[in-house]
N, C-alpha and C. Protein backbone atom coordinates (compact mmCIF):
# COMPACT_ATOMS: atom_id res chain seq x y z
N UNK A 1 1.17 -1.12 -0.05
CA UNK A 1 0.15 -0.07 0.21
C UNK A 1 0.98 1.47 -0.02
N UNK A 2 0.61 2.11 -1.07
CA UNK A 2 1.88 3.09 -1.08
C UNK A 2 0.97 4.53 0.47
N UNK A 3 1.75 4.81 0.70
CA UNK A 3 2.05 6.09 1.51
C UNK A 3 2.35 7.41 0.93
N UNK A 4 1.28 8.36 1.24
CA UNK A 4 1.46 10.09 0.95
C UNK A 4 2.61 10.29 1.80
N UNK A 5 3.87 11.15 1.21
CA UNK A 5 4.45 11.72 1.40
C UNK A 5 4.29 13.42 0.92
N UNK A 6 4.61 14.00 2.00
CA UNK A 6 3.98 15.56 2.08
C UNK A 6 5.29 16.10 1.17
N UNK A 7 6.20 15.57 1.44
CA UNK A 7 7.57 16.23 0.68
C UNK A 7 7.56 15.77 -0.93
N UNK A 8 8.42 17.07 -1.59
CA UNK A 8 8.48 16.76 -3.17
C UNK A 8 10.11 16.35 -3.29
N UNK A 9 10.85 16.45 -2.67
CA UNK A 9 11.83 15.26 -3.14
C UNK A 9 12.29 13.69 -1.88
N UNK A 10 12.63 13.02 -2.81
CA UNK A 10 12.48 11.93 -2.22
C UNK A 10 13.79 10.87 -2.24
N UNK A 11 14.35 10.46 -2.01
CA UNK A 11 15.91 9.37 -2.36
C UNK A 11 15.15 7.78 -1.50
N UNK A 12 16.43 7.04 -2.37
CA UNK A 12 16.11 5.75 -1.68
C UNK A 12 17.30 5.09 -0.73
N UNK A 13 16.79 4.43 0.10
CA UNK A 13 17.64 4.18 1.29
C UNK A 13 19.37 3.72 0.52
N UNK A 14 19.09 3.55 -0.89
CA UNK A 14 20.30 2.83 -1.47
C UNK A 14 21.10 3.79 -1.95
N UNK A 15 20.45 4.81 -2.63
CA UNK A 15 21.30 6.32 -2.54
C UNK A 15 21.82 7.24 -1.38
N UNK A 16 20.63 6.89 -0.56
CA UNK A 16 21.54 7.84 0.58
C UNK A 16 22.45 6.81 1.05
N UNK A 17 22.64 5.52 1.22
CA UNK A 17 24.00 4.96 1.66
C UNK A 17 24.72 5.05 0.48
N UNK A 18 24.94 5.32 -0.68
CA UNK A 18 25.91 5.51 -1.42
C UNK A 18 26.63 6.97 -1.74
N UNK A 19 25.57 8.09 -1.56
CA UNK A 19 26.24 9.18 -1.10
C UNK A 19 25.26 10.04 -0.17
N UNK A 20 25.25 10.03 0.85
CA UNK A 20 24.46 11.05 1.90
C UNK A 20 24.34 12.53 1.66
N UNK A 21 25.51 12.78 1.14
CA UNK A 21 25.49 14.63 1.10
C UNK A 21 24.76 14.85 -0.50
N UNK A 22 25.21 14.18 -1.84
CA UNK A 22 24.15 14.04 -2.66
C UNK A 22 22.86 13.79 -2.39
N UNK A 23 22.73 13.21 -1.66
CA UNK A 23 20.73 12.87 -1.68
C UNK A 23 20.31 13.89 -0.44
N UNK A 24 20.94 14.59 0.54
CA UNK A 24 20.57 15.69 0.78
C UNK A 24 20.41 16.90 0.13
N UNK A 25 21.17 16.94 -0.46
CA UNK A 25 21.56 18.25 -1.44
C UNK A 25 20.17 18.23 -2.49
N UNK A 26 19.98 16.77 -2.85
CA UNK A 26 18.34 16.80 -3.62
C UNK A 26 17.70 17.19 -2.99
N UNK A 27 17.42 17.99 -1.75
CA UNK A 27 16.47 18.37 -1.70
C UNK A 27 16.68 20.09 -1.34
N UNK A 28 17.34 20.36 -1.90
CA UNK A 28 17.85 22.19 -1.94
C UNK A 28 17.42 22.52 -1.17
N UNK A 29 17.92 21.95 0.13
CA UNK A 29 17.82 23.38 1.27
C UNK A 29 16.21 22.49 2.10
N UNK A 30 15.63 22.24 1.56
CA UNK A 30 14.02 21.35 2.24
C UNK A 30 14.18 19.74 2.65
N UNK A 31 13.05 19.41 3.40
CA UNK A 31 13.33 17.94 3.85
C UNK A 31 13.18 17.14 2.80
N UNK A 32 13.71 15.93 2.99
CA UNK A 32 13.76 14.95 1.91
C UNK A 32 12.90 13.71 2.50
N UNK A 33 12.27 12.79 1.89
CA UNK A 33 11.86 11.46 2.43
C UNK A 33 12.88 10.51 1.94
N UNK A 34 13.27 9.56 2.94
CA UNK A 34 13.81 8.30 2.28
C UNK A 34 12.84 7.16 2.19
N UNK A 35 13.38 6.64 1.29
CA UNK A 35 12.08 5.28 1.22
C UNK A 35 12.74 3.95 0.61
N UNK A 36 12.06 3.21 1.62
CA UNK A 36 12.65 1.67 1.23
C UNK A 36 11.58 1.14 0.46
N UNK A 37 11.63 0.39 -0.73
CA UNK A 37 11.03 -0.01 -1.75
C UNK A 37 9.84 0.95 -1.73
N UNK A 38 9.67 1.99 -1.77
CA UNK A 38 8.82 2.78 -2.38
C UNK A 38 8.39 3.51 -1.21
N UNK A 39 8.35 2.93 -0.19
CA UNK A 39 7.49 3.32 1.46
C UNK A 39 8.47 4.07 2.05
N UNK A 40 7.99 5.33 2.14
CA UNK A 40 8.66 6.44 3.09
C UNK A 40 9.28 5.78 4.63
N UNK A 41 10.62 5.97 4.78
CA UNK A 41 10.46 5.60 6.43
C UNK A 41 11.10 6.24 7.16
N UNK A 42 11.68 7.37 6.86
CA UNK A 42 11.83 8.59 7.59
C UNK A 42 12.24 9.89 6.61
N UNK A 43 12.08 10.73 7.53
CA UNK A 43 12.84 12.25 6.73
C UNK A 43 13.87 12.99 7.21
N UNK A 44 14.61 13.58 6.27
CA UNK A 44 15.61 13.79 6.68
C UNK A 44 15.49 15.05 6.59
N UNK A 45 15.69 16.40 7.24
CA UNK A 45 15.36 17.74 8.09
C UNK A 45 16.69 18.28 8.26
N UNK A 46 17.05 19.29 7.23
CA UNK A 46 17.86 20.35 7.34
C UNK A 46 17.91 20.97 8.71
N UNK A 47 19.45 20.94 9.47
CA UNK A 47 18.97 21.64 10.51
C UNK A 47 18.20 23.15 11.04
N UNK A 48 18.52 23.96 10.02
CA UNK A 48 17.73 25.33 9.74
C UNK A 48 16.42 24.94 9.60
N UNK A 49 15.51 23.83 9.34
CA UNK A 49 14.56 24.00 9.23
C UNK A 49 14.12 22.97 10.28
N UNK A 50 14.65 22.18 11.28
CA UNK A 50 14.71 21.46 12.34
C UNK A 50 14.52 22.84 13.54
N UNK A 51 15.21 23.75 13.30
CA UNK A 51 15.46 24.78 14.28
C UNK A 51 13.98 25.54 13.99
N UNK A 52 13.70 25.91 12.94
CA UNK A 52 12.51 26.56 12.36
C UNK A 52 11.25 26.07 13.35
N UNK A 53 11.30 24.68 13.06
CA UNK A 53 10.06 23.89 13.32
C UNK A 53 10.18 24.03 15.50
N UNK A 54 11.06 24.05 15.61
CA UNK A 54 11.04 23.84 17.22
C UNK A 54 10.83 25.38 17.48
N UNK A 55 11.12 26.46 16.58
CA UNK A 55 10.88 27.76 17.30
C UNK A 55 9.17 28.01 17.21
N UNK A 56 8.65 27.34 16.34
CA UNK A 56 7.31 27.57 16.04
C UNK A 56 6.10 26.53 16.88
N UNK A 57 7.31 25.48 17.37
CA UNK A 57 6.15 24.46 18.21
C UNK A 57 6.22 25.18 19.79
N UNK A 58 7.34 26.09 19.88
CA UNK A 58 7.65 26.74 21.06
C UNK A 58 6.63 28.05 21.29
N UNK A 59 6.35 28.88 20.15
CA UNK A 59 5.55 30.05 19.66
C UNK A 59 4.10 29.22 20.23
N UNK A 60 3.63 28.10 19.51
CA UNK A 60 1.94 27.64 20.08
C UNK A 60 2.21 27.13 21.34
N UNK A 61 3.18 26.75 21.91
CA UNK A 61 2.88 26.50 23.38
C UNK A 61 2.46 27.60 24.19
N UNK A 62 3.64 28.84 23.69
CA UNK A 62 3.60 29.75 24.33
C UNK A 62 2.04 30.31 24.16
N UNK A 63 1.53 30.70 22.78
CA UNK A 63 0.10 30.56 22.78
C UNK A 63 -1.21 29.81 23.65
N UNK A 64 -0.42 28.97 23.84
CA UNK A 64 -1.65 27.88 24.68
C UNK A 64 -1.73 28.46 25.70
N UNK A 65 -0.15 29.12 26.27
CA UNK A 65 -0.40 29.20 27.92
C UNK A 65 -1.27 30.63 27.78
N UNK A 66 -0.85 31.55 27.31
CA UNK A 66 -1.43 33.07 27.34
C UNK A 66 -3.21 32.91 27.21
N UNK A 67 -3.29 32.25 26.17
CA UNK A 67 -4.94 31.56 26.32
C UNK A 67 -5.59 31.11 27.62
N UNK A 68 -4.64 30.58 28.18
CA UNK A 68 -5.27 29.74 29.22
C UNK A 68 -4.83 31.03 30.67
N UNK A 69 -4.29 31.73 30.80
CA UNK A 69 -4.09 32.41 31.00
C UNK A 69 -4.89 34.07 30.91
N UNK A 70 -5.51 34.28 30.39
CA UNK A 70 -6.16 35.10 29.77
C UNK A 70 -7.29 35.70 30.55
N UNK A 71 -7.56 34.15 31.79
CA UNK A 71 -8.93 34.83 32.43
C UNK A 71 -8.33 35.05 33.66
N UNK A 72 -6.80 35.13 33.88
CA UNK A 72 -6.71 35.24 34.97
C UNK A 72 -6.27 36.88 35.30
N UNK A 73 -6.79 37.42 36.67
CA UNK A 73 -6.22 38.78 36.97
C UNK A 73 -4.76 38.90 36.81
N UNK A 74 -4.58 40.23 36.02
CA UNK A 74 -3.42 40.60 36.03
C UNK A 74 -2.73 41.22 36.88
N UNK A 75 -1.03 41.78 37.26
CA UNK A 75 -0.57 41.80 38.33
C UNK A 75 -0.25 43.31 37.62
N UNK A 76 0.01 44.18 38.64
CA UNK A 76 0.38 45.44 38.27
C UNK A 76 1.92 45.56 38.98
N UNK A 77 2.78 46.23 38.08
CA UNK A 77 4.22 46.52 39.26
C UNK A 77 4.68 47.94 38.90
N UNK A 78 4.89 48.25 39.79
CA UNK A 78 5.76 49.71 39.55
C UNK A 78 6.63 49.48 39.72
N UNK A 79 7.29 50.07 38.14
CA UNK A 79 8.95 49.55 38.03
C UNK A 79 10.00 50.34 38.99
N UNK A 80 8.90 52.03 39.29
CA UNK A 80 9.61 52.98 40.23
C UNK A 80 10.10 52.16 41.55
N UNK A 81 9.47 51.03 42.05
CA UNK A 81 9.85 50.73 43.50
C UNK A 81 11.34 50.15 43.07
N UNK A 82 11.67 49.63 42.23
CA UNK A 82 13.00 49.19 41.85
C UNK A 82 14.10 50.05 42.23
């Protein structure tokens, strides 16, 4: 059964073994799907893309915290006290 990949660039596991950097370069900076017998077995994600994904997840978690706390009373701080 063929599974859908959400990536345009794919390489076979054999291609990855033969020349890992060429396989990664085929993605042109975007993630690639590594296939075994035409089935995706994992995705290779460039470091910059992975870091951006983590930043987005952190932002998403912060939005959830803000939404959760939006009903709480705010604390007023007088900065002149410091």
